[in-house]
Protein backbone atom coordinates (compact mmCIF):
# COMPACT_ATOMS: atom_id res chain seq x y z
CA MET A 1 108.96 132.11 83.19
CA SER A 2 108.88 130.74 79.66
CA HIS A 3 106.18 128.44 78.33
CA PRO A 4 106.45 124.80 79.56
CA ARG A 5 106.90 123.50 76.02
CA CYS A 6 109.89 125.78 75.52
CA ARG A 7 111.36 124.67 78.82
CA ARG A 8 110.77 121.03 77.85
CA ARG A 9 112.67 121.60 74.60
CA ALA A 10 115.53 123.12 76.61
CA LEU A 11 115.73 120.04 78.84
CA LEU A 12 115.63 117.72 75.84
CA GLY A 13 118.35 119.76 74.20
CA ALA A 14 120.66 119.14 77.15
CA ALA A 15 120.96 115.51 76.08
CA GLY A 16 120.23 115.89 72.37
CA ALA A 17 123.82 115.74 71.19
CA LEU A 18 124.42 112.27 72.65
CA ALA A 19 125.91 109.63 70.37
CA LEU A 20 126.71 106.60 72.45
CA PRO A 21 130.02 104.85 71.70
CA GLY A 22 131.27 107.47 69.26
CA LEU A 23 131.28 110.31 71.73
CA ALA A 24 132.97 108.12 74.31
CA ARG A 25 135.93 107.90 71.89
CA ALA A 26 135.81 111.68 71.36
CA GLN A 27 136.88 112.33 74.95
CA PRO A 28 139.74 109.89 75.65
CA ARG A 29 141.13 112.06 78.47
CA PHE A 30 137.97 111.85 80.58
CA PRO A 31 137.90 110.86 83.38
CA GLU A 32 141.38 111.62 84.69
CA ARG A 33 140.39 111.66 88.38
CA PRO A 34 137.65 110.27 90.65
CA ILE A 35 134.00 111.02 89.95
CA THR A 36 131.68 111.88 92.84
CA LEU A 37 128.14 110.44 92.92
CA LEU A 38 125.82 112.30 95.30
CA VAL A 39 123.24 110.13 97.08
CA PRO A 40 120.52 112.25 98.78
CA PHE A 41 119.76 109.66 101.47
CA THR A 42 121.39 108.35 104.64
CA PRO A 43 123.90 105.47 104.57
CA GLY A 44 122.48 101.99 104.99
CA GLY A 45 119.14 102.35 103.23
CA ALA A 46 118.09 100.68 99.99
CA THR A 47 119.17 103.63 97.84
CA ASP A 48 122.59 103.84 99.48
CA VAL A 49 123.17 100.12 99.03
CA GLN A 50 122.15 100.24 95.37
CA MET A 51 124.16 103.38 94.58
CA ARG A 52 127.31 102.02 96.21
CA ALA A 53 127.03 98.88 94.11
CA LEU A 54 126.55 101.05 91.02
CA ALA A 55 129.57 103.17 91.94
CA GLU A 56 131.78 100.10 92.40
CA ALA A 57 130.76 98.75 89.00
CA ALA A 58 131.20 102.19 87.42
CA SER A 59 134.70 102.46 88.87
CA ARG A 60 135.63 99.38 86.86
CA ALA A 61 133.94 100.72 83.74
CA PHE A 62 135.64 104.14 83.92
CA GLY A 63 139.01 102.96 85.18
CA GLN A 64 138.66 105.68 87.84
CA THR A 65 137.11 105.58 91.29
CA VAL A 66 133.48 106.65 91.59
CA VAL A 67 132.99 107.90 95.15
CA THR A 68 129.52 107.98 96.73
CA GLU A 69 128.79 110.93 99.00
CA ASN A 70 125.61 110.99 101.10
CA ARG A 71 123.65 114.26 101.21
CA PRO A 72 120.44 113.39 103.12
CA GLY A 73 117.72 115.80 104.08
CA ALA A 74 115.58 118.51 102.44
CA GLY A 75 113.27 115.96 100.87
CA SER A 76 116.09 114.27 98.90
CA THR A 77 116.89 117.49 97.02
CA LEU A 78 120.38 118.31 98.32
CA GLY A 79 122.16 116.27 95.68
CA ALA A 80 120.22 117.93 92.89
CA ALA A 81 120.73 121.38 94.39
CA THR A 82 124.48 120.80 94.58
CA VAL A 83 124.77 119.53 91.01
CA ALA A 84 122.72 122.43 89.65
CA ARG A 85 125.42 124.86 90.85
CA ALA A 86 128.46 122.70 90.03
CA LYS A 87 131.07 123.10 87.32
CA PRO A 88 130.00 121.10 84.24
CA ASP A 89 133.16 119.02 83.97
CA GLY A 90 131.64 115.56 84.44
CA TYR A 91 133.21 114.90 87.84
CA LEU A 92 130.01 115.41 89.82
CA VAL A 93 126.72 113.59 89.22
CA ALA A 94 123.70 113.01 91.44
CA GLN A 95 120.69 110.81 91.83
CA MET A 96 117.62 112.64 90.55
CA THR A 97 114.65 111.68 92.71
CA LEU A 98 110.99 112.30 92.01
CA PRO A 99 110.67 114.68 95.01
CA ALA A 100 113.55 116.72 93.60
CA LEU A 101 111.42 117.27 90.48
CA ARG A 102 108.26 117.96 92.51
CA LEU A 103 109.39 120.23 95.35
CA PRO A 104 110.31 123.28 93.21
CA PHE A 105 106.57 123.64 92.56
CA MET A 106 105.77 123.44 96.29
CA GLN A 107 108.38 125.78 97.77
CA ARG A 108 111.37 127.92 96.85
CA MET A 109 114.29 125.79 95.65
CA PRO A 110 117.76 126.86 94.44
CA TYR A 111 117.27 125.28 91.01
CA ASP A 112 114.88 125.00 88.08
CA PRO A 113 114.25 121.32 87.27
CA ARG A 114 113.69 122.11 83.59
CA ARG A 115 116.85 124.14 83.09
CA ASP A 116 119.54 123.26 85.60
CA PHE A 117 120.42 119.61 84.83
CA THR A 118 121.88 117.40 82.14
CA PRO A 119 120.13 113.99 82.25
CA VAL A 120 122.69 111.16 82.01
CA LEU A 121 120.59 107.98 82.15
CA HIS A 122 117.60 106.47 83.89
CA LEU A 123 118.30 103.56 86.25
CA THR A 124 115.44 101.97 88.15
CA GLY A 125 112.49 102.60 90.46
CA TYR A 126 111.70 101.74 94.04
CA THR A 127 109.57 98.89 95.32
CA PHE A 128 107.65 100.63 98.09
CA GLY A 129 105.47 99.09 100.76
CA VAL A 130 104.22 99.46 104.33
CA LEU A 131 106.07 97.63 107.11
CA VAL A 132 105.20 96.82 110.71
CA ARG A 133 107.01 94.83 113.37
CA ALA A 134 106.60 91.09 112.95
CA ASP A 135 105.27 90.82 116.53
CA SER A 136 102.73 93.61 116.03
CA PRO A 137 99.01 92.80 116.33
CA TRP A 138 98.38 93.76 112.69
CA LYS A 139 98.73 90.82 110.33
CA THR A 140 97.17 92.64 107.37
CA TRP A 141 96.82 96.18 106.05
CA ARG A 142 93.10 96.10 106.74
CA GLU A 143 93.78 95.30 110.39
CA LEU A 144 96.18 98.26 110.67
CA VAL A 145 93.61 100.57 109.07
CA ALA A 146 90.84 99.30 111.33
CA ASP A 147 92.92 99.91 114.47
CA ALA A 148 93.93 103.40 113.30
CA ARG A 149 90.26 104.20 112.68
CA ALA A 150 89.24 102.86 116.09
CA ARG A 151 91.94 104.85 117.90
CA PRO A 152 92.19 108.20 116.04
CA GLY A 153 95.35 110.20 116.65
CA THR A 154 97.31 107.34 118.23
CA HIS A 155 99.03 105.88 115.17
CA ARG A 156 102.41 107.20 114.03
CA TRP A 157 103.31 106.26 110.46
CA GLY A 158 106.89 106.85 109.41
CA ASN A 159 108.16 107.80 105.97
CA THR A 160 111.49 108.49 104.30
CA GLY A 161 111.22 112.28 104.27
CA ALA A 162 108.74 115.16 104.30
CA ASN A 163 107.01 115.64 100.93
CA GLY A 164 108.73 112.58 99.52
CA THR A 165 106.82 109.97 97.55
CA PRO A 166 106.20 107.63 100.54
CA HIS A 167 104.98 110.57 102.60
CA LEU A 168 102.50 111.75 99.96
CA ALA A 169 101.29 108.22 99.31
CA MET A 170 100.63 107.64 103.01
CA LEU A 171 98.80 110.97 103.20
CA GLU A 172 96.62 109.83 100.32
CA LEU A 173 95.97 106.43 101.92
CA ALA A 174 95.01 108.07 105.22
CA GLU A 175 92.76 110.52 103.38
CA ARG A 176 91.04 107.76 101.40
CA GLU A 177 90.42 105.83 104.62
CA LYS A 178 89.52 109.00 106.57
CA LEU A 179 92.11 108.25 109.23
CA GLU A 180 93.64 110.59 111.79
CA VAL A 181 97.29 109.52 112.02
CA GLU A 182 100.57 111.30 112.68
CA HIS A 183 103.04 111.18 109.80
CA ILE A 184 106.66 111.05 110.99
CA PRO A 185 109.35 112.00 108.43
CA PHE A 186 112.86 110.55 108.73
CA ARG A 187 116.00 111.42 106.80
CA GLY A 188 115.87 108.06 105.04
CA GLU A 189 114.61 104.55 105.60
CA ALA A 190 117.76 103.50 107.45
CA ASP A 191 116.93 106.10 110.12
CA ALA A 192 113.36 104.86 110.38
CA TYR A 193 114.03 101.16 110.99
CA PRO A 194 115.32 101.61 114.57
CA ALA A 195 112.23 103.67 115.38
CA LEU A 196 109.97 100.96 113.98
CA LEU A 197 111.83 98.13 115.70
CA GLY A 198 111.84 100.10 118.95
CA GLY A 199 108.09 100.63 118.86
CA HIS A 200 108.32 104.42 118.46
CA ILE A 201 106.18 104.26 115.32
CA GLU A 202 103.46 101.79 114.42
CA ALA A 203 104.19 101.50 110.69
CA GLN A 204 106.69 102.66 108.11
CA ALA A 205 106.42 103.39 104.40
CA ALA A 206 109.72 102.63 102.70
CA GLY A 207 111.54 100.74 99.98
CA THR A 208 112.93 97.26 100.26
CA GLY A 209 116.02 98.09 102.27
CA GLY A 210 114.36 96.31 105.18
CA ALA A 211 113.48 93.18 103.21
CA GLN A 212 116.16 91.14 104.94
CA MET A 213 114.62 92.04 108.30
CA VAL A 214 111.35 90.65 106.94
CA VAL A 215 113.11 87.45 105.90
CA ASP A 216 114.75 87.30 109.34
CA GLY A 217 111.39 87.58 111.09
CA GLN A 218 111.78 91.09 112.53
CA LEU A 219 109.41 93.00 110.24
CA ARG A 220 106.36 92.28 108.11
CA PHE A 221 105.19 93.83 104.83
CA LEU A 222 101.47 94.62 104.80
CA ASN A 223 101.29 95.80 101.19
CA PHE A 224 103.32 96.74 98.14
CA TRP A 225 102.74 99.65 95.76
CA THR A 226 103.78 97.84 92.57
CA ARG A 227 101.44 96.81 89.76
CA GLU A 228 102.08 93.11 90.36
CA ARG A 229 102.95 91.20 93.53
CA VAL A 230 106.64 91.05 94.44
CA PRO A 231 107.90 87.52 93.63
CA ARG A 232 109.97 87.26 96.82
CA PHE A 233 106.90 88.04 98.96
CA PRO A 234 104.03 86.49 97.00
CA GLU A 235 101.66 86.54 99.98
CA VAL A 236 101.71 90.35 100.24
CA PRO A 237 98.94 92.13 98.27
CA THR A 238 99.35 95.28 96.19
CA LEU A 239 97.42 98.48 96.81
CA LEU A 240 95.52 97.77 93.59
CA GLU A 241 94.39 94.43 94.98
CA LEU A 242 93.35 96.15 98.19
CA GLY A 243 91.01 98.37 96.22
CA TYR A 244 93.06 101.57 95.84
CA GLU A 245 92.41 102.36 92.20
CA GLY A 246 95.31 103.96 90.35
CA MET A 247 97.84 103.59 93.18
CA VAL A 248 100.91 102.15 91.47
CA ILE A 249 103.85 104.06 92.96
CA THR A 250 107.50 103.29 92.12
CA SER A 251 109.20 106.73 92.16
CA PRO A 252 111.66 106.07 89.30
CA TYR A 253 115.08 107.74 89.31
CA GLY A 254 118.25 108.26 87.33
CA LEU A 255 121.47 110.27 87.27
CA VAL A 256 121.96 113.90 86.30
CA ALA A 257 124.98 116.15 85.77
CA PRO A 258 125.30 119.96 85.86
CA PRO A 259 123.83 122.07 83.06
CA GLY A 260 126.05 122.89 80.12
CA LEU A 261 127.91 119.57 80.13
CA ASP A 262 130.03 118.92 77.06
CA PRO A 263 128.28 116.33 74.82
CA GLY A 264 131.46 114.26 74.60
CA ILE A 265 131.76 114.03 78.37
CA LEU A 266 128.07 113.22 78.57
CA GLY A 267 128.63 110.32 76.20
CA VAL A 268 131.44 108.94 78.36
CA LEU A 269 129.40 109.30 81.55
CA HIS A 270 126.40 107.64 79.97
CA GLU A 271 128.39 104.69 78.65
CA GLY A 272 130.26 104.11 81.90
CA PHE A 273 127.14 104.16 84.05
CA ARG A 274 125.21 102.10 81.49
CA LYS A 275 127.85 99.37 81.78
CA ALA A 276 127.66 99.66 85.57
CA LEU A 277 123.87 99.38 85.53
CA PHE A 278 124.07 96.04 83.71
CA ASP A 279 127.11 94.77 85.60
CA PRO A 280 126.25 91.38 87.18
CA SER A 281 127.28 92.56 90.64
CA HIS A 282 124.93 95.53 90.43
CA LEU A 283 122.11 93.47 88.92
CA ALA A 284 122.41 91.13 91.90
CA VAL A 285 121.88 94.05 94.28
CA LEU A 286 118.83 95.23 92.33
CA ALA A 287 117.42 91.71 92.51
CA ARG A 288 118.02 91.62 96.25
CA LEU A 289 116.16 94.93 96.59
CA ASP A 290 113.35 93.75 94.28
CA GLN A 291 113.98 96.73 91.97
CA PRO A 292 113.67 96.41 88.18
CA VAL A 293 116.15 97.66 85.59
CA GLU A 294 114.51 100.64 83.86
CA TYR A 295 117.29 101.83 81.58
CA LEU A 296 116.85 104.92 79.40
CA ASN A 297 119.65 106.65 77.49
CA SER A 298 120.27 110.37 77.90
CA ILE A 299 117.88 111.48 75.16
CA ASP A 300 115.00 109.27 76.30
CA TYR A 301 115.60 110.12 79.95
CA ALA A 302 115.49 113.83 79.11
CA ARG A 303 112.14 113.32 77.40
CA VAL A 304 110.68 111.31 80.28
CA MET A 305 112.08 113.75 82.83
CA ALA A 306 110.42 116.66 81.01
CA GLU A 307 107.09 114.79 80.95
CA THR A 308 107.46 113.96 84.66
CA ILE A 309 108.14 117.59 85.55
CA ASP A 310 104.98 118.69 83.75
CA ALA A 311 102.97 115.96 85.51
CA GLU A 312 104.34 116.85 88.96
CA GLU A 313 103.63 120.55 88.43
CA ALA A 314 100.05 119.67 87.54
CA ARG A 315 99.77 117.32 90.53
CA VAL A 316 100.94 119.99 92.99
CA ARG A 317 98.43 122.44 91.55
CA ARG A 318 95.59 119.88 91.57
CA LEU A 319 96.19 118.77 95.17
CA GLY A 320 96.95 122.25 96.51
CA LEU A 321 100.37 121.21 97.81
CA LYS A 322 102.18 124.52 97.34
CA THR A 323 103.57 125.66 100.69
CA ASP A 324 104.83 129.20 99.96
């Protein structure tokens, strides 16, 4: 394998030819048919809701339908794995999740995160937190931790997928508190909510797809993983406030296309999805999910993605997370 700096330059080069409006005019015939957007999570969760809103806005921007296709499972890597092998014609893009950049350093994956993608643009990041049922006996995070410590091995804490960001964060929280809990992976947060509501798990780490159930009195947030408190739930503390130094976890994500994409097509894709990102209908969904706009163009996203890949490789090595 080549030196990381060389691989970083290769990733940056994938987006280096981008010129925003000019290249959009250079490819007037694209798109001529629907574009497929792969979402590596189950229907109904926060990501699915946000991506469908983005696709609807992008359909207006492109003048062609953008179809969302759910590919859940495998730690949110199936979309990335599919795009890495796809024809670079611009008609297939995928959400690039943080686990999809991390897992190739933990186990064998059918792609190289540094080589096999063309970054299109960065979109946003999740607002994660820990949820319990509203009628549960735990009114605060400290109460949940105290009960888990008093009854080792009895708590089941759900997450949105094995080796995903919520899973690893909950492992770290349990390790810091020296708790013996069972971590239950689901294929996405939409799959986990019925288990939580049905009492099959005691707590769930997820995004804000369940925020309406909190508003409706079915669930309760015990903490958030953001730097500042979430304005819609000002009574809920952050992990930083609870004393977990350095634990600000948002798992940012964007869109990627296959490697070798024509720079002109990349420019069109970028501009169409940029317009969709800032479309009022999509911004309203982000606000409802308590997710910030974190726009980066193709060049800047390629740079940040390369830095993230290096950081995740170092994290896997430091924590001994490699599984094969």
